[in-house]
């Protein structure tokens, strides 16, 4: 459980840094995401979830 909390904290740090360092680019990216079809967002989310799972799985081996 401790590792899950650490992982969430790291995610928030990385996302916060992106908004702090590149605010206008992040705003433009969010506007582009708004126009994507739901199916592409779903597939993209699934791909990133699988990549994240593979990274964690390799690190835990």
Protein backbone atom coordinates (compact mmCIF):
# COMPACT_ATOMS: atom_id res chain seq x y z
CA UNK A 1 0.00 0.00 0.00
CA UNK A 2 2.90 2.33 0.76
CA UNK A 3 4.25 1.86 -2.78
CA UNK A 4 0.89 2.82 -4.27
CA UNK A 5 0.83 6.07 -2.31
CA UNK A 6 4.40 6.83 -3.41
CA UNK A 7 3.47 6.14 -7.05
CA UNK A 8 0.47 8.49 -6.86
CA UNK A 9 2.67 11.16 -5.28
CA UNK A 10 5.24 10.84 -8.06
CA UNK A 11 2.49 11.07 -10.67
CA UNK A 12 1.22 14.28 -9.10
CA UNK A 13 4.74 15.73 -8.95
CA UNK A 14 5.36 15.02 -12.64
CA UNK A 15 2.00 16.35 -13.75
CA UNK A 16 2.38 19.45 -11.58
CA UNK A 17 5.82 20.15 -13.02
CA UNK A 18 4.47 19.92 -16.56
CA UNK A 19 1.79 22.52 -15.79
CA UNK A 20 4.29 24.74 -13.94
CA UNK A 21 6.99 24.63 -16.64
CA UNK A 22 4.83 24.54 -19.80
CA UNK A 23 1.44 26.12 -18.93
CA UNK A 24 0.54 27.38 -22.40
CA UNK A 25 1.57 24.15 -24.13
CA UNK A 26 -0.48 22.12 -21.63
CA UNK A 27 -3.49 24.35 -22.26
CA UNK A 28 -3.11 23.86 -26.03
CA UNK A 29 -2.77 20.11 -25.57
CA UNK A 30 -5.94 19.97 -23.47
CA UNK A 31 -7.81 21.87 -26.19
CA UNK A 32 -6.60 19.33 -28.76
CA UNK A 33 -7.63 16.43 -26.52
CA UNK A 34 -11.11 17.96 -26.21
CA UNK A 35 -11.60 17.51 -29.96
CA UNK A 36 -10.48 13.85 -30.10
CA UNK A 37 -13.12 11.15 -30.45
CA UNK A 38 -13.89 9.12 -27.33
CA UNK A 39 -12.66 5.91 -28.97
CA UNK A 40 -9.17 7.37 -29.54
CA UNK A 41 -9.01 8.63 -25.96
CA UNK A 42 -10.03 5.19 -24.69
CA UNK A 43 -7.40 3.41 -26.80
CA UNK A 44 -4.73 5.94 -25.78
CA UNK A 45 -5.58 5.49 -22.11
CA UNK A 46 -5.44 1.72 -22.44
CA UNK A 47 -2.06 1.88 -24.20
CA UNK A 48 -0.60 4.08 -21.45
CA UNK A 49 -2.06 1.84 -18.75
CA UNK A 50 -0.44 -1.21 -20.36
CA UNK A 51 2.90 0.61 -20.72
CA UNK A 52 2.74 1.61 -17.06
CA UNK A 53 1.91 -1.95 -16.02
CA UNK A 54 4.86 -3.31 -18.02
CA UNK A 55 7.23 -0.76 -16.45
CA UNK A 56 6.06 -1.65 -12.94
CA UNK A 57 6.21 -5.37 -13.69
CA UNK A 58 9.80 -5.13 -14.95
CA UNK A 59 10.88 -3.04 -11.98
CA UNK A 60 9.32 -5.45 -9.50
CA UNK A 61 11.09 -8.48 -11.06
